[in-house]
Amino acid sequence: MPKLVTDLLMPGREGGYAKGYETRELIVRTALHILIEEGYRAMSMRRIAAACGMRLGNLTYHYPTREDLLRELLNAVISSYEAEFATIVHAPGVPPEERLARVCGLIIEDIGSKKTTRLFPELWALANHDAFVYERVHELYDRARAPLVEIIAEMRPDLAEPARLDLALFISASMEGLTVFAGYRMPFAERLPIVERIAIRSFIDIVRSFSPAG
């Protein structure tokens, strides 16, 4: 069975400055915790600094604005997914149908986690009113769909790029829609495993049979 995605994958250390790296990681992890537990409104720079046990000036040395911090937070989140996806997508000797099943299984199982159920709806709502968050969220989903497009291209080399993108969009949207129904502590959370099996079988069939002509 696929394992759940880790919460963050921070950029590598630069120049050996371990202390600065550890401080930035503490800040980003603290911001993620506040965002999940209390929402974006609570994720002020002062609140994060206090939770980290540091002065506001120390925090803004690393992240001058909340936007800078949110950009790195979202990059760390999606990087953790990309690392897991890369392992699956490039697994040697595994048929593309099985790799598609593994990627989708990873995503759907992760939807059942508290982190994912709380984090992404918070970002969706915020994106409706904040242009910066809107751009970052759609950039994140563009990166998340890339492995689906790659596998679909292997399964259906006859399809043009727009059709592959449409299929990846449909699969991604279908999985994300499960969050509000079967995510963490949602009404159908206990049904997520059976829904996962239905979804994966459906996705494979759709990719195999899809025709842009209708």
N, C-alpha and C. Protein backbone atom coordinates (compact mmCIF):
# COMPACT_ATOMS: atom_id res chain seq x y z
N MET A 1 0.84 -1.21 0.00
CA MET A 1 0.00 0.00 0.00
C MET A 1 0.88 1.26 0.00
N PRO A 2 0.46 2.32 -0.70
CA PRO A 2 1.23 3.56 -0.69
C PRO A 2 1.26 4.15 0.72
N LYS A 3 2.35 4.81 1.04
CA LYS A 3 2.41 5.48 2.34
C LYS A 3 1.99 6.93 2.19
N LEU A 4 1.55 7.52 3.30
CA LEU A 4 1.09 8.89 3.25
C LEU A 4 2.27 9.82 3.00
N VAL A 5 1.98 10.95 2.36
CA VAL A 5 3.01 11.92 2.04
C VAL A 5 3.46 12.63 3.30
N THR A 6 4.78 12.84 3.41
CA THR A 6 5.30 13.58 4.54
C THR A 6 4.83 15.03 4.46
N ASP A 7 4.87 15.74 5.58
CA ASP A 7 4.27 17.07 5.60
C ASP A 7 5.08 18.11 4.83
N LEU A 8 6.42 18.05 4.89
CA LEU A 8 7.24 19.09 4.27
C LEU A 8 8.53 18.50 3.74
N LEU A 9 9.00 19.06 2.67
CA LEU A 9 10.34 18.75 2.18
C LEU A 9 11.03 20.07 1.91
N MET A 10 11.87 20.48 2.87
CA MET A 10 12.52 21.79 2.79
C MET A 10 13.65 21.79 1.77
N PRO A 11 13.95 22.97 1.19
CA PRO A 11 15.11 23.07 0.29
C PRO A 11 16.38 22.67 1.02
N GLY A 12 17.37 22.19 0.29
CA GLY A 12 18.62 21.77 0.91
C GLY A 12 19.38 22.92 1.53
N ARG A 13 20.27 22.57 2.44
CA ARG A 13 21.10 23.59 3.09
C ARG A 13 22.06 24.20 2.08
N GLU A 14 22.36 25.47 2.28
CA GLU A 14 23.29 26.17 1.39
C GLU A 14 24.48 26.65 2.21
N GLY A 15 25.68 26.31 1.73
CA GLY A 15 26.89 26.82 2.36
C GLY A 15 27.17 26.28 3.74
N GLY A 16 26.45 25.24 4.14
CA GLY A 16 26.74 24.62 5.43
C GLY A 16 26.18 25.35 6.63
N TYR A 17 25.29 26.32 6.42
CA TYR A 17 24.74 27.08 7.54
C TYR A 17 23.59 26.29 8.18
N ALA A 18 23.96 25.31 8.97
CA ALA A 18 22.96 24.41 9.54
C ALA A 18 22.00 25.14 10.45
N LYS A 19 22.51 26.08 11.24
CA LYS A 19 21.64 26.78 12.19
C LYS A 19 20.56 27.57 11.48
N GLY A 20 20.95 28.29 10.41
CA GLY A 20 19.97 29.05 9.65
C GLY A 20 18.94 28.15 9.00
N TYR A 21 19.40 27.02 8.48
CA TYR A 21 18.48 26.05 7.87
C TYR A 21 17.49 25.54 8.91
N GLU A 22 17.99 25.16 10.07
CA GLU A 22 17.12 24.63 11.12
C GLU A 22 16.12 25.68 11.59
N THR A 23 16.55 26.94 11.63
CA THR A 23 15.63 28.01 12.03
C THR A 23 14.52 28.18 11.01
N ARG A 24 14.88 28.19 9.72
CA ARG A 24 13.86 28.31 8.67
C ARG A 24 12.90 27.12 8.69
N GLU A 25 13.44 25.94 8.92
CA GLU A 25 12.57 24.76 8.98
C GLU A 25 11.61 24.87 10.16
N LEU A 26 12.10 25.33 11.32
CA LEU A 26 11.24 25.53 12.48
C LEU A 26 10.12 26.52 12.15
N ILE A 27 10.47 27.62 11.49
CA ILE A 27 9.48 28.64 11.16
C ILE A 27 8.42 28.07 10.22
N VAL A 28 8.85 27.38 9.18
CA VAL A 28 7.90 26.85 8.20
C VAL A 28 7.02 25.78 8.82
N ARG A 29 7.60 24.90 9.62
CA ARG A 29 6.79 23.86 10.26
C ARG A 29 5.80 24.45 11.26
N THR A 30 6.22 25.48 11.94
CA THR A 30 5.32 26.15 12.88
C THR A 30 4.18 26.83 12.13
N ALA A 31 4.50 27.49 11.02
CA ALA A 31 3.46 28.13 10.21
C ALA A 31 2.47 27.10 9.70
N LEU A 32 2.97 25.95 9.25
CA LEU A 32 2.08 24.89 8.77
C LEU A 32 1.16 24.41 9.90
N HIS A 33 1.72 24.22 11.08
CA HIS A 33 0.91 23.76 12.22
C HIS A 33 -0.21 24.76 12.54
N ILE A 34 0.12 26.05 12.56
CA ILE A 34 -0.88 27.07 12.85
C ILE A 34 -1.94 27.10 11.75
N LEU A 35 -1.50 26.99 10.50
CA LEU A 35 -2.44 27.02 9.38
C LEU A 35 -3.42 25.86 9.47
N ILE A 36 -2.94 24.68 9.83
CA ILE A 36 -3.80 23.50 9.93
C ILE A 36 -4.73 23.59 11.13
N GLU A 37 -4.19 23.99 12.27
CA GLU A 37 -4.96 23.96 13.51
C GLU A 37 -5.85 25.18 13.72
N GLU A 38 -5.42 26.34 13.20
CA GLU A 38 -6.13 27.58 13.52
C GLU A 38 -6.59 28.37 12.30
N GLY A 39 -6.08 28.04 11.12
CA GLY A 39 -6.49 28.76 9.92
C GLY A 39 -5.53 29.87 9.55
N TYR A 40 -5.70 30.37 8.32
CA TYR A 40 -4.77 31.36 7.78
C TYR A 40 -4.83 32.68 8.54
N ARG A 41 -5.99 33.06 9.02
CA ARG A 41 -6.10 34.33 9.74
C ARG A 41 -5.22 34.35 10.98
N ALA A 42 -5.05 33.18 11.59
CA ALA A 42 -4.22 33.10 12.79
C ALA A 42 -2.73 33.08 12.47
N MET A 43 -2.40 32.87 11.19
CA MET A 43 -1.00 32.72 10.79
C MET A 43 -0.35 34.07 10.55
N SER A 44 -0.35 34.92 11.58
CA SER A 44 0.33 36.21 11.48
C SER A 44 1.81 36.02 11.80
N MET A 45 2.61 36.97 11.37
CA MET A 45 4.05 36.87 11.63
C MET A 45 4.33 36.92 13.13
N ARG A 46 3.60 37.74 13.86
CA ARG A 46 3.79 37.81 15.31
C ARG A 46 3.40 36.49 15.98
N ARG A 47 2.32 35.89 15.53
CA ARG A 47 1.87 34.62 16.10
C ARG A 47 2.90 33.53 15.84
N ILE A 48 3.45 33.50 14.65
CA ILE A 48 4.45 32.49 14.32
C ILE A 48 5.72 32.70 15.13
N ALA A 49 6.16 33.96 15.22
CA ALA A 49 7.37 34.25 16.00
C ALA A 49 7.20 33.82 17.45
N ALA A 50 6.05 34.13 18.03
CA ALA A 50 5.81 33.75 19.42
C ALA A 50 5.81 32.24 19.58
N ALA A 51 5.17 31.54 18.65
CA ALA A 51 5.12 30.07 18.73
C ALA A 51 6.50 29.45 18.55
N CYS A 52 7.39 30.14 17.82
CA CYS A 52 8.76 29.65 17.63
C CYS A 52 9.68 30.05 18.78
N GLY A 53 9.18 30.92 19.67
CA GLY A 53 10.02 31.40 20.77
C GLY A 53 11.11 32.35 20.32
N MET A 54 10.79 33.17 19.31
CA MET A 54 11.79 34.12 18.81
C MET A 54 11.17 35.50 18.66
N ARG A 55 12.02 36.49 18.52
CA ARG A 55 11.54 37.85 18.28
C ARG A 55 11.06 37.99 16.84
N LEU A 56 10.14 38.94 16.63
CA LEU A 56 9.60 39.17 15.30
C LEU A 56 10.72 39.54 14.32
N GLY A 57 11.70 40.33 14.77
CA GLY A 57 12.80 40.71 13.91
C GLY A 57 13.63 39.52 13.44
N ASN A 58 13.76 38.51 14.30
CA ASN A 58 14.48 37.31 13.89
C ASN A 58 13.71 36.55 12.81
N LEU A 59 12.39 36.54 12.94
CA LEU A 59 11.56 35.87 11.95
C LEU A 59 11.63 36.59 10.60
N THR A 60 11.49 37.91 10.63
CA THR A 60 11.48 38.67 9.37
C THR A 60 12.87 38.73 8.72
N TYR A 61 13.91 38.39 9.46
CA TYR A 61 15.24 38.27 8.85
C TYR A 61 15.23 37.13 7.82
N HIS A 62 14.55 36.05 8.17
CA HIS A 62 14.48 34.90 7.27
C HIS A 62 13.35 35.05 6.26
N TYR A 63 12.21 35.61 6.69
CA TYR A 63 11.04 35.77 5.81
C TYR A 63 10.49 37.17 6.02
N PRO A 64 10.88 38.12 5.18
CA PRO A 64 10.48 39.52 5.38
C PRO A 64 8.97 39.74 5.42
N THR A 65 8.20 38.93 4.67
CA THR A 65 6.75 39.10 4.64
C THR A 65 6.06 37.74 4.82
N ARG A 66 4.79 37.79 5.12
CA ARG A 66 4.02 36.56 5.23
C ARG A 66 3.91 35.86 3.88
N GLU A 67 3.90 36.65 2.81
CA GLU A 67 3.86 36.06 1.47
C GLU A 67 5.12 35.25 1.19
N ASP A 68 6.28 35.78 1.62
CA ASP A 68 7.53 35.04 1.44
C ASP A 68 7.48 33.71 2.19
N LEU A 69 6.94 33.75 3.39
CA LEU A 69 6.84 32.54 4.20
C LEU A 69 5.85 31.56 3.58
N LEU A 70 4.71 32.06 3.13
CA LEU A 70 3.71 31.18 2.52
C LEU A 70 4.25 30.55 1.25
N ARG A 71 5.01 31.31 0.47
CA ARG A 71 5.58 30.76 -0.77
C ARG A 71 6.50 29.58 -0.45
N GLU A 72 7.34 29.73 0.56
CA GLU A 72 8.24 28.62 0.90
C GLU A 72 7.48 27.46 1.53
N LEU A 73 6.45 27.77 2.31
CA LEU A 73 5.63 26.72 2.91
C LEU A 73 4.97 25.86 1.83
N LEU A 74 4.34 26.50 0.86
CA LEU A 74 3.67 25.74 -0.20
C LEU A 74 4.67 24.99 -1.07
N ASN A 75 5.83 25.60 -1.30
CA ASN A 75 6.86 24.91 -2.07
C ASN A 75 7.34 23.66 -1.33
N ALA A 76 7.49 23.76 -0.01
CA ALA A 76 7.92 22.61 0.79
C ALA A 76 6.87 21.52 0.79
N VAL A 77 5.59 21.92 0.82
CA VAL A 77 4.50 20.94 0.79
C VAL A 77 4.49 20.20 -0.53
N ILE A 78 4.48 20.94 -1.65
CA ILE A 78 4.39 20.27 -2.95
C ILE A 78 5.67 19.49 -3.26
N SER A 79 6.81 19.95 -2.76
CA SER A 79 8.06 19.21 -2.99
C SER A 79 8.00 17.83 -2.36
N SER A 80 7.31 17.71 -1.23
CA SER A 80 7.19 16.40 -0.60
C SER A 80 6.36 15.46 -1.47
N TYR A 81 5.31 16.00 -2.10
CA TYR A 81 4.52 15.19 -3.02
C TYR A 81 5.34 14.81 -4.25
N GLU A 82 6.07 15.78 -4.79
CA GLU A 82 6.84 15.52 -6.00
C GLU A 82 7.88 14.43 -5.78
N ALA A 83 8.50 14.42 -4.60
CA ALA A 83 9.49 13.38 -4.30
C ALA A 83 8.84 12.00 -4.30
N GLU A 84 7.65 11.90 -3.70
CA GLU A 84 6.93 10.62 -3.67
C GLU A 84 6.48 10.23 -5.08
N PHE A 85 5.97 11.20 -5.83
CA PHE A 85 5.50 10.92 -7.19
C PHE A 85 6.66 10.42 -8.06
N ALA A 86 7.82 11.07 -7.93
CA ALA A 86 8.96 10.69 -8.77
C ALA A 86 9.36 9.25 -8.55
N THR A 87 9.31 8.81 -7.29
CA THR A 87 9.65 7.42 -6.99
C THR A 87 8.70 6.46 -7.69
N ILE A 88 7.43 6.82 -7.72
CA ILE A 88 6.42 5.96 -8.35
C ILE A 88 6.50 6.04 -9.88
N VAL A 89 6.54 7.26 -10.41
CA VAL A 89 6.49 7.45 -11.86
C VAL A 89 7.67 6.78 -12.55
N HIS A 90 8.84 6.80 -11.90
CA HIS A 90 10.04 6.26 -12.53
C HIS A 90 10.41 4.88 -11.99
N ALA A 91 9.45 4.19 -11.39
CA ALA A 91 9.71 2.84 -10.89
C ALA A 91 10.01 1.91 -12.07
N PRO A 92 11.17 1.27 -12.07
CA PRO A 92 11.54 0.43 -13.22
C PRO A 92 10.68 -0.82 -13.34
N GLY A 93 10.29 -1.12 -14.56
CA GLY A 93 9.58 -2.37 -14.83
C GLY A 93 8.13 -2.41 -14.40
N VAL A 94 7.57 -1.28 -13.98
CA VAL A 94 6.17 -1.25 -13.52
C VAL A 94 5.31 -0.67 -14.64
N PRO A 95 4.26 -1.37 -15.07
CA PRO A 95 3.40 -0.86 -16.15
C PRO A 95 2.79 0.49 -15.79
N PRO A 96 2.53 1.35 -16.79
CA PRO A 96 1.99 2.68 -16.49
C PRO A 96 0.65 2.64 -15.76
N GLU A 97 -0.19 1.61 -16.06
CA GLU A 97 -1.48 1.50 -15.37
C GLU A 97 -1.28 1.32 -13.86
N GLU A 98 -0.29 0.51 -13.50
CA GLU A 98 0.00 0.29 -12.08
C GLU A 98 0.58 1.54 -11.44
N ARG A 99 1.41 2.26 -12.19
CA ARG A 99 1.98 3.50 -11.65
C ARG A 99 0.89 4.56 -11.47
N LEU A 100 -0.06 4.62 -12.41
CA LEU A 100 -1.19 5.54 -12.24
C LEU A 100 -1.98 5.17 -10.99
N ALA A 101 -2.21 3.88 -10.78
CA ALA A 101 -2.93 3.43 -9.60
C ALA A 101 -2.19 3.81 -8.32
N ARG A 102 -0.88 3.70 -8.33
CA ARG A 102 -0.10 4.03 -7.14
C ARG A 102 -0.11 5.52 -6.84
N VAL A 103 0.03 6.34 -7.88
CA VAL A 103 -0.01 7.79 -7.67
C VAL A 103 -1.37 8.20 -7.12
N CYS A 104 -2.44 7.70 -7.74
CA CYS A 104 -3.79 8.07 -7.29
C CYS A 104 -4.06 7.52 -5.89
N GLY A 105 -3.58 6.32 -5.60
CA GLY A 105 -3.74 5.76 -4.27
C GLY A 105 -3.04 6.60 -3.22
N LEU A 106 -1.85 7.07 -3.54
CA LEU A 106 -1.11 7.92 -2.62
C LEU A 106 -1.88 9.19 -2.32
N ILE A 107 -2.41 9.82 -3.38
CA ILE A 107 -3.13 11.08 -3.20
C ILE A 107 -4.41 10.87 -2.40
N ILE A 108 -5.18 9.84 -2.74
CA ILE A 108 -6.46 9.62 -2.06
C ILE A 108 -6.24 9.25 -0.60
N GLU A 109 -5.27 8.41 -0.31
CA GLU A 109 -5.00 8.08 1.08
C GLU A 109 -4.55 9.31 1.86
N ASP A 110 -3.77 10.17 1.21
CA ASP A 110 -3.31 11.38 1.87
C ASP A 110 -4.48 12.33 2.16
N ILE A 111 -5.51 12.29 1.32
CA ILE A 111 -6.69 13.11 1.56
C ILE A 111 -7.32 12.77 2.91
N GLY A 112 -7.15 11.53 3.36
CA GLY A 112 -7.70 11.13 4.65
C GLY A 112 -6.93 11.64 5.85
N SER A 113 -5.80 12.33 5.61
CA SER A 113 -5.01 12.84 6.73
C SER A 113 -5.54 14.19 7.20
N LYS A 114 -5.30 14.48 8.46
CA LYS A 114 -5.72 15.76 9.03
C LYS A 114 -5.06 16.92 8.30
N LYS A 115 -3.77 16.79 8.01
CA LYS A 115 -3.03 17.85 7.34
C LYS A 115 -3.71 18.25 6.04
N THR A 116 -3.99 17.28 5.19
CA THR A 116 -4.53 17.57 3.87
C THR A 116 -5.96 18.06 3.94
N THR A 117 -6.78 17.44 4.77
CA THR A 117 -8.18 17.86 4.89
C THR A 117 -8.30 19.28 5.41
N ARG A 118 -7.40 19.68 6.29
CA ARG A 118 -7.46 21.04 6.84
C ARG A 118 -6.76 22.06 5.95
N LEU A 119 -5.61 21.68 5.40
CA LEU A 119 -4.78 22.65 4.69
C LEU A 119 -5.39 23.11 3.38
N PHE A 120 -5.77 22.18 2.51
CA PHE A 120 -6.15 22.57 1.16
C PHE A 120 -7.48 23.32 1.09
N PRO A 121 -8.54 22.92 1.80
CA PRO A 121 -9.74 23.75 1.79
C PRO A 121 -9.49 25.17 2.31
N GLU A 122 -8.59 25.29 3.28
CA GLU A 122 -8.22 26.62 3.78
C GLU A 122 -7.61 27.45 2.65
N LEU A 123 -6.75 26.83 1.88
CA LEU A 123 -6.12 27.54 0.77
C LEU A 123 -7.11 27.84 -0.35
N TRP A 124 -8.03 26.89 -0.64
CA TRP A 124 -9.04 27.12 -1.67
C TRP A 124 -9.87 28.35 -1.33
N ALA A 125 -10.33 28.42 -0.08
CA ALA A 125 -11.17 29.54 0.34
C ALA A 125 -10.40 30.86 0.25
N LEU A 126 -9.15 30.84 0.69
CA LEU A 126 -8.34 32.05 0.67
C LEU A 126 -8.06 32.50 -0.76
N ALA A 127 -7.88 31.54 -1.67
CA ALA A 127 -7.58 31.86 -3.06
C ALA A 127 -8.71 32.63 -3.74
N ASN A 128 -9.92 32.52 -3.21
CA ASN A 128 -11.06 33.26 -3.78
C ASN A 128 -10.93 34.76 -3.58
N HIS A 129 -10.12 35.18 -2.61
CA HIS A 129 -10.06 36.59 -2.25
C HIS A 129 -8.65 37.16 -2.26
N ASP A 130 -7.65 36.31 -2.48
CA ASP A 130 -6.26 36.76 -2.40
C ASP A 130 -5.54 36.32 -3.67
N ALA A 131 -5.15 37.29 -4.50
CA ALA A 131 -4.53 36.98 -5.79
C ALA A 131 -3.22 36.23 -5.62
N PHE A 132 -2.45 36.59 -4.59
CA PHE A 132 -1.17 35.92 -4.37
C PHE A 132 -1.38 34.44 -4.06
N VAL A 133 -2.32 34.15 -3.17
CA VAL A 133 -2.59 32.76 -2.82
C VAL A 133 -3.18 32.02 -4.02
N TYR A 134 -4.04 32.68 -4.78
CA TYR A 134 -4.61 32.08 -5.99
C TYR A 134 -3.50 31.59 -6.92
N GLU A 135 -2.53 32.45 -7.17
CA GLU A 135 -1.44 32.08 -8.07
C GLU A 135 -0.60 30.94 -7.49
N ARG A 136 -0.32 30.99 -6.18
CA ARG A 136 0.51 29.94 -5.57
C ARG A 136 -0.22 28.59 -5.57
N VAL A 137 -1.52 28.62 -5.29
CA VAL A 137 -2.28 27.37 -5.23
C VAL A 137 -2.35 26.73 -6.61
N HIS A 138 -2.59 27.53 -7.65
CA HIS A 138 -2.67 26.96 -8.99
C HIS A 138 -1.31 26.50 -9.50
N GLU A 139 -0.26 27.18 -9.08
CA GLU A 139 1.08 26.70 -9.40
C GLU A 139 1.33 25.35 -8.74
N LEU A 140 0.88 25.21 -7.50
CA LEU A 140 1.03 23.96 -6.77
C LEU A 140 0.31 22.82 -7.49
N TYR A 141 -0.92 23.07 -7.93
CA TYR A 141 -1.68 22.01 -8.59
C TYR A 141 -1.14 21.70 -9.99
N ASP A 142 -0.59 22.70 -10.67
CA ASP A 142 0.06 22.43 -11.96
C ASP A 142 1.20 21.44 -11.77
N ARG A 143 1.99 21.64 -10.72
CA ARG A 143 3.10 20.74 -10.44
C ARG A 143 2.61 19.36 -10.01
N ALA A 144 1.51 19.32 -9.30
CA ALA A 144 0.98 18.04 -8.83
C ALA A 144 0.39 17.22 -9.97
N ARG A 145 -0.12 17.89 -11.02
CA ARG A 145 -0.70 17.17 -12.16
C ARG A 145 0.35 16.63 -13.12
N ALA A 146 1.55 17.17 -13.06
CA ALA A 146 2.59 16.78 -14.01
C ALA A 146 2.86 15.27 -14.03
N PRO A 147 2.93 14.59 -12.89
CA PRO A 147 3.14 13.13 -12.94
C PRO A 147 1.99 12.39 -13.61
N LEU A 148 0.76 12.87 -13.43
CA LEU A 148 -0.38 12.25 -14.09
C LEU A 148 -0.25 12.39 -15.60
N VAL A 149 0.13 13.59 -16.06
CA VAL A 149 0.29 13.82 -17.50
C VAL A 149 1.36 12.89 -18.06
N GLU A 150 2.44 12.71 -17.32
CA GLU A 150 3.54 11.86 -17.79
C GLU A 150 3.09 10.41 -17.94
N ILE A 151 2.35 9.91 -16.97
CA ILE A 151 1.88 8.52 -17.05
C ILE A 151 0.83 8.36 -18.14
N ILE A 152 -0.07 9.32 -18.25
CA ILE A 152 -1.10 9.27 -19.29
C ILE A 152 -0.45 9.24 -20.68
N ALA A 153 0.63 9.99 -20.84
CA ALA A 153 1.33 10.00 -22.13
C ALA A 153 1.88 8.62 -22.47
N GLU A 154 2.31 7.88 -21.45
CA GLU A 154 2.79 6.51 -21.68
C GLU A 154 1.64 5.57 -22.05
N MET A 155 0.53 5.73 -21.35
CA MET A 155 -0.62 4.87 -21.61
C MET A 155 -1.27 5.18 -22.96
N ARG A 156 -1.30 6.48 -23.33
CA ARG A 156 -1.99 6.90 -24.55
C ARG A 156 -1.10 7.81 -25.39
N PRO A 157 -0.05 7.25 -25.99
CA PRO A 157 0.82 8.08 -26.84
C PRO A 157 0.10 8.64 -28.05
N ASP A 158 -1.07 8.10 -28.37
CA ASP A 158 -1.84 8.58 -29.51
C ASP A 158 -2.55 9.89 -29.23
N LEU A 159 -2.70 10.25 -27.97
CA LEU A 159 -3.43 11.47 -27.62
C LEU A 159 -2.54 12.70 -27.73
N ALA A 160 -3.11 13.79 -28.19
CA ALA A 160 -2.40 15.06 -28.23
C ALA A 160 -2.27 15.61 -26.81
N GLU A 161 -1.34 16.53 -26.64
CA GLU A 161 -1.07 17.09 -25.31
C GLU A 161 -2.31 17.69 -24.65
N PRO A 162 -3.15 18.46 -25.36
CA PRO A 162 -4.34 19.02 -24.69
C PRO A 162 -5.25 17.93 -24.10
N ALA A 163 -5.40 16.81 -24.79
CA ALA A 163 -6.24 15.73 -24.28
C ALA A 163 -5.63 15.10 -23.03
N ARG A 164 -4.33 14.97 -23.01
CA ARG A 164 -3.65 14.42 -21.83
C ARG A 164 -3.84 15.36 -20.63
N LEU A 165 -3.73 16.66 -20.90
CA LEU A 165 -3.93 17.63 -19.83
C LEU A 165 -5.37 17.59 -19.31
N ASP A 166 -6.33 17.43 -20.21
CA ASP A 166 -7.73 17.34 -19.80
C ASP A 166 -7.96 16.12 -18.91
N LEU A 167 -7.40 15.00 -19.30
CA LEU A 167 -7.55 13.78 -18.49
C LEU A 167 -6.91 13.96 -17.11
N ALA A 168 -5.72 14.54 -17.07
CA ALA A 168 -5.05 14.77 -15.79
C ALA A 168 -5.86 15.72 -14.91
N LEU A 169 -6.43 16.75 -15.53
CA LEU A 169 -7.26 17.70 -14.79
C LEU A 169 -8.48 17.00 -14.21
N PHE A 170 -9.14 16.17 -15.01
CA PHE A 170 -10.32 15.44 -14.53
C PHE A 170 -9.97 14.53 -13.37
N ILE A 171 -8.89 13.79 -13.49
CA ILE A 171 -8.49 12.87 -12.43
C ILE A 171 -8.14 13.63 -11.16
N SER A 172 -7.38 14.70 -11.30
CA SER A 172 -6.99 15.51 -10.15
C SER A 172 -8.21 16.11 -9.46
N ALA A 173 -9.11 16.69 -10.25
CA ALA A 173 -10.31 17.32 -9.68
C ALA A 173 -11.20 16.29 -8.99
N SER A 174 -11.30 15.09 -9.57
CA SER A 174 -12.13 14.04 -8.97
C SER A 174 -11.59 13.63 -7.61
N MET A 175 -10.27 13.52 -7.51
CA MET A 175 -9.68 13.14 -6.24
C MET A 175 -9.82 14.25 -5.20
N GLU A 176 -9.54 15.48 -5.61
CA GLU A 176 -9.63 16.59 -4.66
C GLU A 176 -11.04 16.75 -4.12
N GLY A 177 -12.04 16.44 -4.96
CA GLY A 177 -13.42 16.57 -4.52
C GLY A 177 -13.78 15.64 -3.36
N LEU A 178 -13.00 14.59 -3.17
CA LEU A 178 -13.25 13.67 -2.06
C LEU A 178 -12.98 14.31 -0.70
N THR A 179 -12.18 15.36 -0.69
CA THR A 179 -11.73 15.96 0.57
C THR A 179 -12.91 16.35 1.47
N VAL A 180 -13.91 17.01 0.89
CA VAL A 180 -15.00 17.54 1.71
C VAL A 180 -16.01 16.46 2.11
N PHE A 181 -15.91 15.29 1.49
CA PHE A 181 -16.85 14.21 1.82
C PHE A 181 -16.20 13.08 2.61
N ALA A 182 -14.98 12.74 2.26
CA ALA A 182 -14.36 11.56 2.86
C ALA A 182 -12.99 11.86 3.47
N GLY A 183 -12.67 13.12 3.66
CA GLY A 183 -11.41 13.49 4.30
C GLY A 183 -11.46 13.24 5.80
N TYR A 184 -10.48 13.75 6.48
CA TYR A 184 -10.33 13.56 7.92
C TYR A 184 -11.58 14.03 8.68
N ARG A 185 -12.21 13.11 9.39
CA ARG A 185 -13.41 13.37 10.20
C ARG A 185 -14.60 13.87 9.39
N MET A 186 -14.58 13.64 8.08
CA MET A 186 -15.72 14.00 7.25
C MET A 186 -16.76 12.86 7.28
N PRO A 187 -18.01 13.12 6.82
CA PRO A 187 -19.09 12.14 7.01
C PRO A 187 -18.80 10.75 6.45
N PHE A 188 -18.04 10.66 5.36
CA PHE A 188 -17.80 9.36 4.73
C PHE A 188 -16.33 8.94 4.82
N ALA A 189 -15.66 9.39 5.86
CA ALA A 189 -14.24 9.07 6.01
C ALA A 189 -13.99 7.57 6.03
N GLU A 190 -14.90 6.82 6.66
CA GLU A 190 -14.68 5.37 6.75
C GLU A 190 -14.90 4.67 5.41
N ARG A 191 -15.50 5.37 4.45
CA ARG A 191 -15.73 4.78 3.13
C ARG A 191 -14.60 5.10 2.15
N LEU A 192 -13.61 5.84 2.59
CA LEU A 192 -12.54 6.26 1.69
C LEU A 192 -11.83 5.08 1.02
N PRO A 193 -11.53 3.97 1.70
CA PRO A 193 -10.84 2.87 1.02
C PRO A 193 -11.63 2.28 -0.15
N ILE A 194 -12.94 2.11 -0.01
CA ILE A 194 -13.73 1.56 -1.11
C ILE A 194 -13.86 2.58 -2.23
N VAL A 195 -14.00 3.85 -1.87
CA VAL A 195 -14.06 4.90 -2.89
C VAL A 195 -12.74 4.97 -3.65
N GLU A 196 -11.64 4.77 -2.95
CA GLU A 196 -10.33 4.75 -3.60
C GLU A 196 -10.27 3.66 -4.67
N ARG A 197 -10.76 2.47 -4.35
CA ARG A 197 -10.74 1.37 -5.32
C ARG A 197 -11.62 1.69 -6.53
N ILE A 198 -12.80 2.25 -6.28
CA ILE A 198 -13.69 2.63 -7.38
C ILE A 198 -13.02 3.69 -8.26
N ALA A 199 -12.43 4.69 -7.62
CA ALA A 199 -11.83 5.80 -8.36
C ALA A 199 -10.68 5.32 -9.23
N ILE A 200 -9.79 4.52 -8.67
CA ILE A 200 -8.61 4.08 -9.43
C ILE A 200 -9.02 3.23 -10.63
N ARG A 201 -9.95 2.31 -10.40
CA ARG A 201 -10.42 1.49 -11.52
C ARG A 201 -11.04 2.37 -12.60
N SER A 202 -11.81 3.37 -12.18
CA SER A 202 -12.47 4.26 -13.14
C SER A 202 -11.45 5.09 -13.91
N PHE A 203 -10.44 5.61 -13.22
CA PHE A 203 -9.43 6.44 -13.88
C PHE A 203 -8.68 5.64 -14.95
N ILE A 204 -8.30 4.42 -14.62
CA ILE A 204 -7.57 3.60 -15.59
C ILE A 204 -8.44 3.33 -16.82
N ASP A 205 -9.71 3.01 -16.58
CA ASP A 205 -10.62 2.74 -17.70
C ASP A 205 -10.82 3.99 -18.56
N ILE A 206 -10.95 5.14 -17.91
CA ILE A 206 -11.17 6.39 -18.66
C ILE A 206 -9.95 6.72 -19.52
N VAL A 207 -8.76 6.59 -18.97
CA VAL A 207 -7.56 6.89 -19.75
C VAL A 207 -7.45 5.93 -20.94
N ARG A 208 -7.73 4.67 -20.71
CA ARG A 208 -7.65 3.68 -21.79
C ARG A 208 -8.65 3.96 -22.91
N SER A 209 -9.85 4.42 -22.56
CA SER A 209 -10.93 4.50 -23.55
C SER A 209 -11.23 5.90 -24.05
N PHE A 210 -10.63 6.93 -23.46
CA PHE A 210 -11.01 8.30 -23.79
C PHE A 210 -10.73 8.64 -25.25
N SER A 211 -11.70 9.33 -25.84
CA SER A 211 -11.55 9.83 -27.20
C SER A 211 -11.95 11.29 -27.24
N PRO A 212 -11.07 12.19 -27.64
CA PRO A 212 -11.43 13.62 -27.71
C PRO A 212 -12.61 13.89 -28.62
N ALA A 213 -12.84 12.98 -29.57
CA ALA A 213 -13.93 13.19 -30.51
C ALA A 213 -15.31 12.91 -29.92
N GLY A 214 -15.33 12.33 -28.72
CA GLY A 214 -16.60 12.05 -28.06
C GLY A 214 -17.00 10.59 -28.13
